Each structure stands twice: as structure tokens, then as C-alpha cells.
Amino acid sequence: MSVTGRGGLSRRLTRGLVDQAAPGLRWAVAVVLLGVSGLFGGLDTVADPQAETVAAGTPVPGGPWEVTIHEAGIRRELGKLRLKNEGDRWLYVIATVRITAEESTMLPSDLLVLDGVTGLVAPTPEESALERDGSRLRLLQPDMPERIWFVWEQSGSAPVPTSLTISVEQRTWREDSLGGEWHWMDVDAKGDDNPAGRVTVPVKADTTPPSASPSPSAEPSASTRPRPSASPKPSTSRSPSAGPTP
């Protein structure tokens, strides 16, 4: 939330004028300022702008990356991945990510956040893999788009979503308040910044097991994708180039 006055008076300005006044006059200055601000609607709270919700296939720029959500779906089995709990299901999102920064970038674990989905074993994906060969997601190179599968495990007792609203996180290029260096960091130093955008996409429910479970090293084909490896799990730590403010 941000606080502004319609007449141009903010809480910070009001506090500054009162502090600069002589001790004996501070109450008088405060009364005058409150009266003037009342004429212009007072000191109002203004909601921070909400992230735009767009349709699938629309690129969402998030600072060092651009994310295009293509589809989402449900699978009972997914290559060699193994569910932690019998009866659970895989919930996946397919997206193209293009690095717009000048340096190679490791995507943060919370790049995509599923809004309002219940029963997730973890809020971040259990696995993220390149669609072209099923390899585990690592550093992405600038201006080389990659189509990626992001996979979550959802409890079998949770309702199957018919659509997903996916928040795409963002970073901004700014100075580190501690070291003075410039990095891609959270927009808000507290990590409370809004997402770059939200994408709503229908969920394809496919509970039929895949016809094959090839190894990640096999040649890719349209009928056997995705093939993310079962282990090890990707690290949930953020890279220094796209992480939060220290």
C-alpha cells in the first residue's frame, strides 16, 4: 500500500514540516496541515497497482526474463518421476522462458506461482525440465528461448482444478543497499513486490499413463515428452543474479 494526499500532501511531507517547526509551534502547524489536507480529501491510502491478467500465449516481461505460458494439465504418471504419496497426481505448466538480461541466468524456484491451488505438496515445482530433451533445468542463456515443463505434486484428495491462474514473478535491476553492487533483485527490498503478470489457462485432465517412460538421454519425440529426470531434485536457492535483496 502507498499513502498519498490528493492535494500533493503525503504523510512524509506532513511529518517533515512538523519536525522542522519550532517546538512551540508544532501543534499549530499540525492542525493547519490537517485542515488543509482535509480540503483535498485528506491523506488517502491508494492500493498498489494490480498485476495484469492475460491469456495463455501472451508474453509476460519480468525484468531479466520473459515468460509465455502455453498450457497446463494433470497427469497420473510423468516419465520417470515418482510421486511422494500414492494417489497423488502431477500438475504441470508448460511455458517458454526467454532470458532478456545480458548474462546467463538461473531461474528462481518461485518463478511461477499457482494462485489458489490447494493440496500442493510444495509451493514450488518438484521438477523443472527442458521439453526438448527432458534434462533438468539449469542456467538459461540470453535470448535463447526454452520451452520448459514446471511440475508440482498435488494431493489426490484435493479438487482437480479446471483452470489455473499463474503468477509470473519479476526482478528489477537495482543497487544492492548493502554492498553497493547492481544486480537483478526483488523490486521491493522486503520481497513483497507484485508479480509481473498473471496468466489464466484451462487445465487439461489426462489421467491415462504415458505409453513409455524413456530415460532423459533418449532422443526426444512428440509422443514421449516430457522426460524430466527423477533425481536429484533441482535446488530451490536463487542465483545471485536474480535473487532477493540481501
Foldseek 3Di string as FASTA:
>chain_A
DAKAQQVGDEPVNLVVVLVPDDPVCSVVSNVVVQVVSVVRPHTDDDDDDAFAEDAAQDWQDFAQKIKGWHAKAKEQDAFPADDPDPLKIKIKTKMKMAGADQAWFFDAQPQKFWPPFPQWPDRGFQFKAFFQQQEGDGTDHHGDITIMMGMIIGHNVGDDDQKTKMFGAHWHFDAQPPPRDTAGAHPDLVNPDHGSHIYMHGYHYDHDHQPDRDASRDGDDPRRPDHHDHDDGDDNDGDRRHYHRD
